[in-house]
Amino acid sequence: MMPIQLILQKYQVSLLVIDINQEEVIKWTS
């Protein structure tokens, strides 16, 4: 069983990656 903190950490990292990807998309489409 995974500790909740590890899950939250992975969740935050994935959100950060999504954020960076969106910024890249915005840069390329503008």
Protein backbone atom coordinates (compact mmCIF):
# COMPACT_ATOMS: atom_id res chain seq x y z
CA MET A 1 0.00 0.00 0.00
CA MET A 2 1.34 3.40 -0.97
CA PRO A 3 1.48 6.17 1.61
CA ILE A 4 -0.79 9.11 0.87
CA GLN A 5 2.14 11.54 0.74
CA LEU A 6 3.74 9.60 -2.10
CA ILE A 7 0.48 9.69 -4.04
CA LEU A 8 0.16 13.42 -3.48
CA GLN A 9 3.73 13.97 -4.56
CA LYS A 10 3.18 12.06 -7.80
CA TYR A 11 -0.04 13.99 -8.36
CA GLN A 12 1.74 17.34 -7.91
CA VAL A 13 4.53 16.31 -10.26
CA SER A 14 2.05 15.29 -12.95
CA LEU A 15 0.21 18.60 -12.56
CA LEU A 16 3.50 20.44 -12.92
CA VAL A 17 4.31 18.51 -16.09
CA ILE A 18 0.87 19.33 -17.52
CA ASP A 19 1.44 22.99 -16.66
CA ILE A 20 4.77 23.07 -18.46
CA ASN A 21 3.28 21.30 -21.48
CA GLN A 22 0.45 23.82 -21.70
CA GLU A 23 2.93 26.69 -21.64
CA GLU A 24 4.88 25.04 -24.46
CA VAL A 25 1.70 24.62 -26.50
CA ILE A 26 0.77 28.26 -25.95
CA LYS A 27 4.24 29.34 -27.06
CA TRP A 28 4.02 27.30 -30.25
CA THR A 29 0.48 28.27 -31.18
CA SER A 30 0.80 32.01 -30.65
